[in-house]
Amino acid sequence: MPVVIRLATPDDAAFLPAIERSAALTFRLIKEVSWLAEAEVMSVDRHLQLIMLSTCWVAVDANDQPQGFLSAQLYGEDLHIHELSVMQALQGQGAGRQLIEAAMNEARSRHLRAVTLTTFCDVPWNAPFYRRLGFEQDSLATPDPRLAAILCDEYGHGFTPGSRCAMVWRVSR
């Protein structure tokens, strides 16, 4: 099913938590993180905040209904991806890649330094997926302090230490 990527609008915000819940169901396939299928998702209010910053994109179907989203935020010269979620039924069909490409294009057009994110190191649809799109794991020798703080916070919320990594896609100038 072809999707179109566009900036999210305030009317989209109510649909995004259900998309995130649907996407998280895939974590049931991995025992160690299966709890994520029932975890809390980003609130509608938080989605609205990111939508108002023009750093949230949606993948919509032929009826303009959101089927996936990417929510990000600017931090200095970086666009940080908070969440990428695609309805479980559409996963593996390119919508996630298209959403990432929208964020990359935005970073280019704003002349930013990088697109950043944190993700699972070994989950096939996480770090390996981002590597295929050109992301690199943040240097362990001199980690970015902002990304290191995000990882520390994630471990404080129940993620197994060492299971997550920070990744960076550097904008070509």
C-alpha atoms as a PDB file:
ATOM      1  CA  MET A   1       0.000   0.000   0.000  1.00  0.00           C
ATOM      2  CA  PRO A   2       1.608   3.293  -1.078  1.00  0.00           C
ATOM      3  CA  VAL A   3       1.982   5.971   1.571  1.00  0.00           C
ATOM      4  CA  VAL A   4       2.595   9.680   1.374  1.00  0.00           C
ATOM      5  CA  ILE A   5       4.805  11.484   3.884  1.00  0.00           C
ATOM      6  CA  ARG A   6       3.735  14.927   5.044  1.00  0.00           C
ATOM      7  CA  LEU A   7       4.169  17.195   8.042  1.00  0.00           C
ATOM      8  CA  ALA A   8       1.782  16.262  10.816  1.00  0.00           C
ATOM      9  CA  THR A   9      -1.067  18.593  11.658  1.00  0.00           C
ATOM     10  CA  PRO A  10      -2.777  19.072  15.023  1.00  0.00           C
ATOM     11  CA  ASP A  11      -5.672  16.902  13.760  1.00  0.00           C
ATOM     12  CA  ASP A  12      -3.240  13.973  13.422  1.00  0.00           C
ATOM     13  CA  ALA A  13      -2.161  14.007  17.075  1.00  0.00           C
ATOM     14  CA  ALA A  14      -5.114  11.941  18.331  1.00  0.00           C
ATOM     15  CA  PHE A  15      -4.155   9.047  16.002  1.00  0.00           C
ATOM     16  CA  LEU A  16      -0.472   8.832  16.915  1.00  0.00           C
ATOM     17  CA  PRO A  17      -0.665   7.028  20.300  1.00  0.00           C
ATOM     18  CA  ALA A  18      -2.629   4.154  18.702  1.00  0.00           C
ATOM     19  CA  ILE A  19      -0.002   3.887  15.952  1.00  0.00           C
ATOM     20  CA  GLU A  20       2.758   3.716  18.577  1.00  0.00           C
ATOM     21  CA  ARG A  21       0.844   1.004  20.488  1.00  0.00           C
ATOM     22  CA  SER A  22       0.375  -1.006  17.295  1.00  0.00           C
ATOM     23  CA  ALA A  23       4.049  -0.671  16.366  1.00  0.00           C
ATOM     24  CA  ALA A  24       5.134  -1.794  19.837  1.00  0.00           C
ATOM     25  CA  LEU A  25       3.275  -5.098  19.469  1.00  0.00           C
ATOM     26  CA  THR A  26       6.189  -6.324  17.352  1.00  0.00           C
ATOM     27  CA  PHE A  27       8.354  -6.301  20.505  1.00  0.00           C
ATOM     28  CA  ARG A  28       6.370  -9.329  21.685  1.00  0.00           C
ATOM     29  CA  LEU A  29       8.661 -11.330  19.381  1.00  0.00           C
ATOM     30  CA  ILE A  30      11.628 -10.696  21.702  1.00  0.00           C
ATOM     31  CA  LYS A  31      11.221 -11.995  25.246  1.00  0.00           C
ATOM     32  CA  GLU A  32      13.624  -9.493  26.860  1.00  0.00           C
ATOM     33  CA  VAL A  33      11.677  -6.467  25.595  1.00  0.00           C
ATOM     34  CA  SER A  34       8.189  -7.940  25.244  1.00  0.00           C
ATOM     35  CA  TRP A  35       7.063  -5.625  28.056  1.00  0.00           C
ATOM     36  CA  LEU A  36       7.253  -2.736  25.572  1.00  0.00           C
ATOM     37  CA  ALA A  37       4.078  -4.026  23.899  1.00  0.00           C
ATOM     38  CA  GLU A  38       2.217  -2.829  27.008  1.00  0.00           C
ATOM     39  CA  ALA A  39       4.363   0.206  27.862  1.00  0.00           C
ATOM     40  CA  GLU A  40       3.095   3.750  28.024  1.00  0.00           C
ATOM     41  CA  VAL A  41       3.259   5.722  24.775  1.00  0.00           C
ATOM     42  CA  MET A  42       3.788   9.393  24.035  1.00  0.00           C
ATOM     43  CA  SER A  43       0.791  11.526  25.024  1.00  0.00           C
ATOM     44  CA  VAL A  44      -1.380  13.456  22.591  1.00  0.00           C
ATOM     45  CA  ASP A  45      -0.209  16.664  24.299  1.00  0.00           C
ATOM     46  CA  ARG A  46       3.450  15.783  23.663  1.00  0.00           C
ATOM     47  CA  HIS A  47       2.632  14.971  20.043  1.00  0.00           C
ATOM     48  CA  LEU A  48       0.939  18.350  19.703  1.00  0.00           C
ATOM     49  CA  GLN A  49       4.056  20.087  21.067  1.00  0.00           C
ATOM     50  CA  LEU A  50       6.261  18.419  18.456  1.00  0.00           C
ATOM     51  CA  ILE A  51       3.725  19.009  15.690  1.00  0.00           C
ATOM     52  CA  MET A  52       3.735  22.720  16.518  1.00  0.00           C
ATOM     53  CA  LEU A  53       7.540  22.713  16.116  1.00  0.00           C
ATOM     54  CA  SER A  54       7.135  21.316  12.573  1.00  0.00           C
ATOM     55  CA  THR A  55       9.316  18.338  13.513  1.00  0.00           C
ATOM     56  CA  CYS A  56       6.743  15.580  13.222  1.00  0.00           C
ATOM     57  CA  TRP A  57       5.903  13.769  10.002  1.00  0.00           C
ATOM     58  CA  VAL A  58       3.201  11.238   9.235  1.00  0.00           C
ATOM     59  CA  ALA A  59       2.904   8.480   6.676  1.00  0.00           C
ATOM     60  CA  VAL A  60      -0.678   8.610   5.428  1.00  0.00           C
ATOM     61  CA  ASP A  61      -2.751   6.235   3.345  1.00  0.00           C
ATOM     62  CA  ALA A  62      -4.928   7.106   0.335  1.00  0.00           C
ATOM     63  CA  ASN A  63      -7.588   8.476   2.724  1.00  0.00           C
ATOM     64  CA  ASP A  64      -5.036  10.776   4.413  1.00  0.00           C
ATOM     65  CA  GLN A  65      -5.181   8.665   7.587  1.00  0.00           C
ATOM     66  CA  PRO A  66      -1.898   8.419   9.519  1.00  0.00           C
ATOM     67  CA  GLN A  67      -0.351   4.952   9.428  1.00  0.00           C
ATOM     68  CA  GLY A  68       3.043   5.889  10.843  1.00  0.00           C
ATOM     69  CA  PHE A  69       4.880   8.855  12.292  1.00  0.00           C
ATOM     70  CA  LEU A  70       8.262  10.244  13.190  1.00  0.00           C
ATOM     71  CA  SER A  71       8.479  12.765  16.033  1.00  0.00           C
ATOM     72  CA  ALA A  72      11.661  14.770  16.462  1.00  0.00           C
ATOM     73  CA  GLN A  73      12.952  17.911  18.099  1.00  0.00           C
ATOM     74  CA  LEU A  74      15.759  20.368  17.439  1.00  0.00           C
ATOM     75  CA  TYR A  75      18.636  20.449  19.925  1.00  0.00           C
ATOM     76  CA  GLY A  76      21.145  23.019  18.769  1.00  0.00           C
ATOM     77  CA  GLU A  77      22.387  21.806  15.386  1.00  0.00           C
ATOM     78  CA  ASP A  78      20.868  18.338  15.745  1.00  0.00           C
ATOM     79  CA  LEU A  79      17.443  16.996  14.914  1.00  0.00           C
ATOM     80  CA  HIS A  80      16.779  14.295  17.512  1.00  0.00           C
ATOM     81  CA  ILE A  81      14.256  11.574  16.713  1.00  0.00           C
ATOM     82  CA  HIS A  82      12.154  10.794  19.775  1.00  0.00           C
ATOM     83  CA  GLU A  83       9.934   8.179  18.159  1.00  0.00           C
ATOM     84  CA  LEU A  84       9.464   6.364  14.880  1.00  0.00           C
ATOM     85  CA  SER A  85       6.391   4.143  14.739  1.00  0.00           C
ATOM     86  CA  VAL A  86       4.553   2.421  11.907  1.00  0.00           C
ATOM     87  CA  MET A  87       1.337   0.425  12.305  1.00  0.00           C
ATOM     88  CA  GLN A  88       2.251  -3.217  12.735  1.00  0.00           C
ATOM     89  CA  ALA A  89       0.370  -4.246   9.575  1.00  0.00           C
ATOM     90  CA  LEU A  90       2.507  -1.855   7.460  1.00  0.00           C
ATOM     91  CA  GLN A  91       5.915  -2.596   8.949  1.00  0.00           C
ATOM     92  CA  GLY A  92       8.579  -3.676   6.484  1.00  0.00           C
ATOM     93  CA  GLN A  93       6.957  -1.900   3.540  1.00  0.00           C
ATOM     94  CA  GLY A  94       9.096   1.240   3.448  1.00  0.00           C
ATOM     95  CA  ALA A  95       7.065   3.766   5.450  1.00  0.00           C
ATOM     96  CA  GLY A  96       9.656   3.880   8.249  1.00  0.00           C
ATOM     97  CA  ARG A  97      12.456   4.465   5.754  1.00  0.00           C
ATOM     98  CA  GLN A  98      10.457   7.238   4.076  1.00  0.00           C
ATOM     99  CA  LEU A  99       9.832   8.909   7.440  1.00  0.00           C
ATOM    100  CA  ILE A 100      13.548   8.787   8.278  1.00  0.00           C
ATOM    101  CA  GLU A 101      14.344  10.251   4.856  1.00  0.00           C
ATOM    102  CA  ALA A 102      11.909  13.108   5.570  1.00  0.00           C
ATOM    103  CA  ALA A 103      13.822  13.894   8.775  1.00  0.00           C
ATOM    104  CA  MET A 104      17.141  13.698   6.907  1.00  0.00           C
ATOM    105  CA  ASN A 105      15.846  16.056   4.227  1.00  0.00           C
ATOM    106  CA  GLU A 106      14.661  18.478   6.905  1.00  0.00           C
ATOM    107  CA  ALA A 107      18.093  18.400   8.557  1.00  0.00           C
ATOM    108  CA  ARG A 108      19.704  19.150   5.184  1.00  0.00           C
ATOM    109  CA  SER A 109      17.324  22.011   4.424  1.00  0.00           C
ATOM    110  CA  ARG A 110      17.918  23.577   7.855  1.00  0.00           C
ATOM    111  CA  HIS A 111      21.696  23.141   7.442  1.00  0.00           C
ATOM    112  CA  LEU A 112      21.902  21.110  10.640  1.00  0.00           C
ATOM    113  CA  ARG A 113      24.879  19.062  11.814  1.00  0.00           C
ATOM    114  CA  ALA A 114      23.136  15.712  12.317  1.00  0.00           C
ATOM    115  CA  VAL A 115      20.070  13.593  12.932  1.00  0.00           C
ATOM    116  CA  THR A 116      20.342  11.650  16.200  1.00  0.00           C
ATOM    117  CA  LEU A 117      18.392   8.939  17.987  1.00  0.00           C
ATOM    118  CA  THR A 118      18.646   6.202  20.579  1.00  0.00           C
ATOM    119  CA  THR A 119      17.573   2.651  19.854  1.00  0.00           C
ATOM    120  CA  PHE A 120      18.106  -1.005  20.670  1.00  0.00           C
ATOM    121  CA  CYS A 121      21.551  -2.215  19.629  1.00  0.00           C
ATOM    122  CA  ASP A 122      20.549  -5.728  18.579  1.00  0.00           C
ATOM    123  CA  VAL A 123      16.858  -5.622  17.634  1.00  0.00           C
ATOM    124  CA  PRO A 124      16.794  -6.223  13.838  1.00  0.00           C
ATOM    125  CA  TRP A 125      14.350  -3.410  13.079  1.00  0.00           C
ATOM    126  CA  ASN A 126      16.281  -0.939  15.280  1.00  0.00           C
ATOM    127  CA  ALA A 127      20.065  -0.267  15.052  1.00  0.00           C
ATOM    128  CA  PRO A 128      20.632  -2.553  12.022  1.00  0.00           C
ATOM    129  CA  PHE A 129      17.796  -0.745  10.185  1.00  0.00           C
ATOM    130  CA  TYR A 130      19.272   2.679  10.965  1.00  0.00           C
ATOM    131  CA  ARG A 131      22.769   1.515   9.928  1.00  0.00           C
ATOM    132  CA  ARG A 132      21.395   0.609   6.498  1.00  0.00           C
ATOM    133  CA  LEU A 133      20.161   4.205   6.213  1.00  0.00           C
ATOM    134  CA  GLY A 134      23.594   5.649   7.002  1.00  0.00           C
ATOM    135  CA  PHE A 135      23.433   6.117  10.781  1.00  0.00           C
ATOM    136  CA  GLU A 136      26.528   5.309  12.814  1.00  0.00           C
ATOM    137  CA  GLN A 137      26.773   4.417  16.463  1.00  0.00           C
ATOM    138  CA  ASP A 138      27.862   7.434  18.530  1.00  0.00           C
ATOM    139  CA  SER A 139      31.559   7.212  19.366  1.00  0.00           C
ATOM    140  CA  LEU A 140      32.114   5.324  22.608  1.00  0.00           C
ATOM    141  CA  ALA A 141      35.432   7.125  23.134  1.00  0.00           C
ATOM    142  CA  THR A 142      33.840  10.569  23.293  1.00  0.00           C
ATOM    143  CA  PRO A 143      30.054  10.156  23.511  1.00  0.00           C
ATOM    144  CA  ASP A 144      27.842  13.140  22.909  1.00  0.00           C
ATOM    145  CA  PRO A 145      26.806  14.298  26.424  1.00  0.00           C
ATOM    146  CA  ARG A 146      23.182  14.884  25.393  1.00  0.00           C
ATOM    147  CA  LEU A 147      22.877  11.402  23.905  1.00  0.00           C
ATOM    148  CA  ALA A 148      24.673   9.844  26.887  1.00  0.00           C
ATOM    149  CA  ALA A 149      22.158  11.524  29.209  1.00  0.00           C
ATOM    150  CA  ILE A 150      19.237  10.171  27.168  1.00  0.00           C
ATOM    151  CA  LEU A 151      20.665   6.644  27.368  1.00  0.00           C
ATOM    152  CA  CYS A 152      21.162   7.003  31.121  1.00  0.00           C
ATOM    153  CA  ASP A 153      17.542   8.104  31.492  1.00  0.00           C
ATOM    154  CA  GLU A 154      16.351   5.150  29.388  1.00  0.00           C
ATOM    155  CA  TYR A 155      18.257   2.708  31.606  1.00  0.00           C
ATOM    156  CA  GLY A 156      16.613   4.368  34.599  1.00  0.00           C
ATOM    157  CA  HIS A 157      13.226   3.559  33.056  1.00  0.00           C
ATOM    158  CA  GLY A 158      13.793  -0.180  32.807  1.00  0.00           C
ATOM    159  CA  PHE A 159      15.956  -0.815  29.770  1.00  0.00           C
ATOM    160  CA  THR A 160      18.788  -3.277  30.353  1.00  0.00           C
ATOM    161  CA  PRO A 161      22.130  -1.444  30.571  1.00  0.00           C
ATOM    162  CA  GLY A 162      24.050  -1.886  27.329  1.00  0.00           C
ATOM    163  CA  SER A 163      20.936  -2.801  25.331  1.00  0.00           C
ATOM    164  CA  ARG A 164      20.549   0.673  23.857  1.00  0.00           C
ATOM    165  CA  CYS A 165      22.824   2.796  21.717  1.00  0.00           C
ATOM    166  CA  ALA A 166      22.942   6.333  20.401  1.00  0.00           C
ATOM    167  CA  MET A 167      23.180   6.745  16.654  1.00  0.00           C
ATOM    168  CA  VAL A 168      24.082   9.713  14.469  1.00  0.00           C
ATOM    169  CA  TRP A 169      23.543  10.507  10.803  1.00  0.00           C
ATOM    170  CA  ARG A 170      25.811  13.386   9.836  1.00  0.00           C
ATOM    171  CA  VAL A 171      24.501  15.859   7.289  1.00  0.00           C
ATOM    172  CA  SER A 172      26.822  16.317   4.315  1.00  0.00           C
ATOM    173  CA  ARG A 173      27.724  19.943   3.874  1.00  0.00           C
END
